[in-house]
N, C-alpha and C. Protein backbone atom coordinates (compact mmCIF):
# COMPACT_ATOMS: atom_id res chain seq x y z
N MET A 1 4.43 -7.98 -12.41
CA MET A 1 4.10 -8.14 -10.56
C MET A 1 2.57 -7.99 -10.92
N ASP A 2 2.09 -8.80 -10.55
CA ASP A 2 0.60 -8.95 -9.84
C ASP A 2 -0.48 -8.88 -8.71
N ILE A 3 -0.70 -7.82 -8.40
CA ILE A 3 -1.16 -7.41 -6.96
C ILE A 3 -2.58 -8.26 -6.82
N ILE A 4 -2.57 -8.43 -5.76
CA ILE A 4 -3.99 -8.68 -5.28
C ILE A 4 -4.87 -8.26 -4.10
N TYR A 5 -5.76 -7.64 -4.10
CA TYR A 5 -6.28 -6.56 -3.10
C TYR A 5 -7.12 -8.08 -2.37
N THR A 6 -6.96 -7.44 -0.88
CA THR A 6 -7.60 -8.07 -0.12
C THR A 6 -9.14 -7.52 0.03
N ALA A 7 -10.12 -7.77 0.68
CA ALA A 7 -11.58 -7.78 0.77
C ALA A 7 -10.96 -6.19 1.92
N GLU A 8 -10.01 -6.48 2.69
CA GLU A 8 -10.36 -5.35 4.29
C GLU A 8 -9.49 -3.93 3.16
N PHE A 9 -9.02 -4.15 1.78
CA PHE A 9 -7.98 -3.25 1.21
C PHE A 9 -9.23 -2.59 0.63
N MET A 10 -10.31 -3.31 -0.39
CA MET A 10 -11.67 -2.82 -1.09
C MET A 10 -12.54 -2.08 0.13
N ARG A 11 -12.91 -2.57 1.20
CA ARG A 11 -13.41 -1.82 1.59
C ARG A 11 -12.69 -0.46 1.71
N GLN A 12 -11.81 -0.01 2.19
CA GLN A 12 -11.24 0.82 2.49
C GLN A 12 -10.74 1.64 1.45
N TYR A 13 -10.59 1.23 0.54
CA TYR A 13 -10.11 2.02 -0.58
C TYR A 13 -11.36 3.03 -1.07
N LYS A 14 -12.88 2.22 -0.93
CA LYS A 14 -14.31 2.83 -1.40
C LYS A 14 -14.56 3.90 -0.77
N LYS A 15 -13.68 3.88 0.83
CA LYS A 15 -14.57 5.09 1.61
C LYS A 15 -13.58 6.15 1.51
N LEU A 16 -12.25 6.35 0.88
CA LEU A 16 -11.45 6.93 0.42
C LEU A 16 -12.12 8.39 -0.06
N PRO A 17 -11.63 9.13 0.41
CA PRO A 17 -12.09 10.58 -1.25
C PRO A 17 -10.84 10.62 -2.52
N ARG A 18 -12.01 11.42 -3.05
CA ARG A 18 -11.33 11.05 -4.79
C ARG A 18 -9.81 11.40 -5.23
N ASP A 19 -9.64 12.31 -4.30
CA ASP A 19 -8.15 13.11 -4.48
C ASP A 19 -6.96 11.97 -4.04
N VAL A 20 -7.07 10.98 -3.05
CA VAL A 20 -6.41 10.19 -2.44
C VAL A 20 -6.25 8.60 -3.27
N LYS A 21 -7.65 8.44 -3.62
CA LYS A 21 -7.81 7.45 -5.08
C LYS A 21 -7.01 7.61 -5.96
N ILE A 22 -6.86 9.02 -6.28
CA ILE A 22 -6.08 9.16 -7.64
C ILE A 22 -4.75 9.12 -7.28
N GLY A 23 -4.34 9.66 -6.54
CA GLY A 23 -2.99 9.33 -5.88
C GLY A 23 -2.68 8.29 -5.77
N ALA A 24 -3.15 6.87 -5.08
CA ALA A 24 -3.30 5.37 -4.89
C ALA A 24 -2.71 5.09 -6.42
N VAL A 25 -3.62 5.35 -7.16
CA VAL A 25 -3.21 4.82 -8.32
C VAL A 25 -1.84 5.39 -9.30
N LYS A 26 -1.93 6.99 -8.88
CA LYS A 26 -0.49 6.84 -9.43
C LYS A 26 0.85 6.26 -8.99
N LYS A 27 0.58 6.01 -7.41
CA LYS A 27 1.55 5.45 -6.49
C LYS A 27 1.81 3.88 -7.18
N GLU A 28 0.64 3.39 -7.17
CA GLU A 28 0.69 1.83 -8.13
C GLU A 28 1.27 1.60 -8.70
N THR A 29 1.39 2.51 -9.87
CA THR A 29 1.90 2.47 -11.12
C THR A 29 3.55 2.82 -10.86
N ILE A 30 3.55 3.60 -9.86
CA ILE A 30 5.36 3.82 -9.66
C ILE A 30 5.57 2.27 -9.19
N PHE A 31 4.89 1.73 -8.24
CA PHE A 31 5.25 0.88 -7.50
C PHE A 31 5.04 -0.60 -8.04
N LYS A 32 4.59 -1.08 -9.21
CA LYS A 32 4.96 -1.98 -10.10
C LYS A 32 5.49 -1.48 -10.99
N LYS A 33 5.90 -0.68 -11.44
CA LYS A 33 7.54 -0.63 -12.12
C LYS A 33 8.97 -1.14 -11.11
N ASN A 34 8.72 0.04 -10.23
CA ASN A 34 10.42 -0.57 -9.29
C ASN A 34 9.66 -0.38 -7.62
N PRO A 35 8.90 -1.12 -6.86
CA PRO A 35 8.54 -1.29 -5.27
C PRO A 35 9.83 -0.40 -4.60
N SER A 36 10.68 -0.78 -4.94
CA SER A 36 11.89 1.01 -4.30
C SER A 36 12.14 1.94 -4.77
N ASP A 37 11.16 2.76 -5.73
CA ASP A 37 11.47 3.61 -5.74
C ASP A 37 11.66 4.75 -5.23
N PRO A 38 12.05 5.39 -4.53
CA PRO A 38 12.07 6.82 -3.45
C PRO A 38 11.16 7.56 -3.31
N ARG A 39 10.47 7.38 -4.60
CA ARG A 39 8.93 8.39 -4.49
C ARG A 39 8.05 8.19 -3.43
N LEU A 40 8.42 6.39 -3.10
CA LEU A 40 7.52 5.63 -2.60
C LEU A 40 7.44 6.02 -0.53
N LYS A 41 8.53 6.03 -0.58
CA LYS A 41 9.27 5.79 0.88
C LYS A 41 8.76 4.51 1.35
N ALA A 42 9.28 3.74 0.96
CA ALA A 42 8.69 2.69 1.11
C ALA A 42 9.15 1.96 2.20
N HIS A 43 8.80 0.94 3.14
CA HIS A 43 9.87 1.16 4.44
C HIS A 43 8.89 -0.29 4.73
N LYS A 44 9.94 -1.22 5.87
CA LYS A 44 9.07 -2.43 6.19
C LYS A 44 8.96 -1.76 7.43
N LEU A 45 7.50 -2.50 7.97
CA LEU A 45 7.29 -2.38 9.46
C LEU A 45 7.70 -2.85 10.39
N GLU A 46 7.25 -2.89 11.48
CA GLU A 46 7.82 -3.49 13.06
C GLU A 46 6.64 -4.27 13.93
N GLY A 47 6.91 -4.68 15.10
CA GLY A 47 6.17 -5.06 15.33
C GLY A 47 5.06 -5.94 15.41
N LYS A 48 3.92 -6.21 15.23
CA LYS A 48 2.83 -6.89 15.02
C LYS A 48 2.46 -7.01 13.77
N LEU A 49 3.19 -6.10 12.83
CA LEU A 49 3.42 -5.87 11.33
C LEU A 49 4.19 -6.27 10.52
N LYS A 50 5.35 -6.85 11.62
CA LYS A 50 6.81 -7.26 11.37
C LYS A 50 7.06 -7.81 9.49
N ASN A 51 5.73 -8.52 9.07
CA ASN A 51 6.15 -9.40 8.05
C ASN A 51 5.68 -8.16 6.91
N PHE A 52 5.54 -7.45 6.93
CA PHE A 52 4.46 -6.11 6.08
C PHE A 52 5.21 -4.85 5.44
N TRP A 53 5.24 -4.39 4.48
CA TRP A 53 5.80 -3.05 4.05
C TRP A 53 4.88 -2.12 3.98
N ALA A 54 5.04 -0.86 3.86
CA ALA A 54 4.28 0.58 3.43
C ALA A 54 4.90 1.08 2.92
N PHE A 55 4.24 2.03 1.84
CA PHE A 55 4.61 3.01 0.67
C PHE A 55 3.67 3.86 0.88
N SER A 56 4.04 5.57 1.01
CA SER A 56 3.17 6.76 1.00
C SER A 56 2.43 6.89 -0.29
N ILE A 57 1.16 7.22 0.00
CA ILE A 57 0.68 7.81 -1.04
C ILE A 57 0.42 9.53 -0.95
N SER A 58 0.43 9.54 0.29
CA SER A 58 0.63 11.23 0.51
C SER A 58 1.23 11.19 1.94
N PHE A 59 0.92 12.48 2.43
CA PHE A 59 1.53 12.63 3.67
C PHE A 59 1.13 12.07 4.70
N SER A 60 -0.51 12.02 4.83
CA SER A 60 -1.11 10.82 5.86
C SER A 60 -1.78 9.85 5.13
N HIS A 61 -1.18 9.23 4.26
CA HIS A 61 -1.92 8.08 3.55
C HIS A 61 -1.14 7.08 3.39
N ARG A 62 -1.14 5.72 3.80
CA ARG A 62 -0.37 4.95 3.06
C ARG A 62 -1.02 3.20 2.78
N ILE A 63 -0.26 2.65 1.98
CA ILE A 63 -0.49 1.14 1.87
C ILE A 63 0.14 0.39 1.95
N VAL A 64 -0.56 -0.46 2.91
CA VAL A 64 0.16 -1.63 3.43
C VAL A 64 0.22 -2.92 2.51
N TYR A 65 1.56 -3.73 2.17
CA TYR A 65 1.40 -4.68 1.72
C TYR A 65 2.46 -5.81 1.99
N GLU A 66 2.02 -6.82 1.36
CA GLU A 66 3.07 -8.26 1.68
C GLU A 66 3.62 -8.50 0.29
N PHE A 67 4.87 -9.22 0.28
CA PHE A 67 5.74 -9.85 -0.62
C PHE A 67 4.92 -11.16 -0.70
N GLY A 68 4.06 -11.88 -1.65
CA GLY A 68 3.82 -13.00 -1.60
C GLY A 68 5.05 -14.21 -2.47
N LYS A 69 4.48 -15.08 -2.90
CA LYS A 69 5.71 -15.78 -3.89
C LYS A 69 5.76 -15.46 -5.46
N GLY A 70 7.08 -15.37 -5.58
CA GLY A 70 6.95 -15.30 -6.97
C GLY A 70 6.80 -13.58 -7.20
N ARG A 71 6.34 -13.06 -8.23
CA ARG A 71 5.90 -11.80 -8.83
C ARG A 71 4.55 -10.94 -8.12
N ILE A 72 3.80 -11.93 -6.99
CA ILE A 72 2.67 -11.56 -6.43
C ILE A 72 2.56 -10.86 -4.99
N VAL A 73 2.06 -9.59 -5.08
CA VAL A 73 1.84 -8.57 -4.02
C VAL A 73 0.56 -8.62 -3.32
N TYR A 74 0.46 -8.78 -2.10
CA TYR A 74 -0.81 -8.40 -1.70
C TYR A 74 -0.70 -6.85 -1.17
N PHE A 75 -1.70 -6.29 -1.20
CA PHE A 75 -2.10 -5.09 -0.96
C PHE A 75 -3.54 -5.77 0.17
N HIS A 76 -3.36 -4.85 1.27
CA HIS A 76 -3.94 -5.24 2.73
C HIS A 76 -4.96 -4.50 3.41
N SER A 77 -4.14 -3.06 3.03
CA SER A 77 -4.66 -2.23 3.94
C SER A 77 -4.61 -0.62 2.99
N ILE A 78 -5.63 0.56 3.36
CA ILE A 78 -5.03 1.65 2.92
C ILE A 78 -5.99 2.56 3.36
N GLY A 79 -5.14 3.88 3.74
CA GLY A 79 -5.74 4.90 4.98
C GLY A 79 -4.86 5.62 5.47
N THR A 80 -5.21 6.67 6.25
CA THR A 80 -4.43 7.21 7.51
C THR A 80 -3.17 6.16 8.38
N HIS A 81 -2.64 6.99 9.39
CA HIS A 81 -1.55 5.59 10.00
C HIS A 81 -2.33 5.16 11.15
N ASP A 82 -3.57 5.10 11.21
CA ASP A 82 -4.70 4.38 11.68
C ASP A 82 -4.74 2.87 11.65
N ILE A 83 -4.59 2.59 10.04
CA ILE A 83 -3.99 1.41 10.09
C ILE A 83 -3.24 0.53 10.59
N TYR A 84 -2.21 0.89 10.91
CA TYR A 84 -1.14 -0.28 11.52
C TYR A 84 -1.71 0.00 13.33
N LYS A 85 -3.07 0.00 13.62
CA LYS A 85 -3.06 -0.35 14.89
C LYS A 85 -3.81 -1.77 14.46
């Protein structure tokens, strides 16, 4: 699986606290092995984000992503629930 990080994702990632960044790396490792792993709590989004999915990094932080063609996944956003707005 190839993950492409959008510019928005990278801007948001740089602003995160160190512990959240560490958690994100751990969850990304799990995601690469199995995007459906229950530890991720992955779920399809609704409304204006209906083409996207999200998985949990922690109780309050998420990564919003989209499946591309083949084995490509785009990571669009990372942060608290505010990223859904």
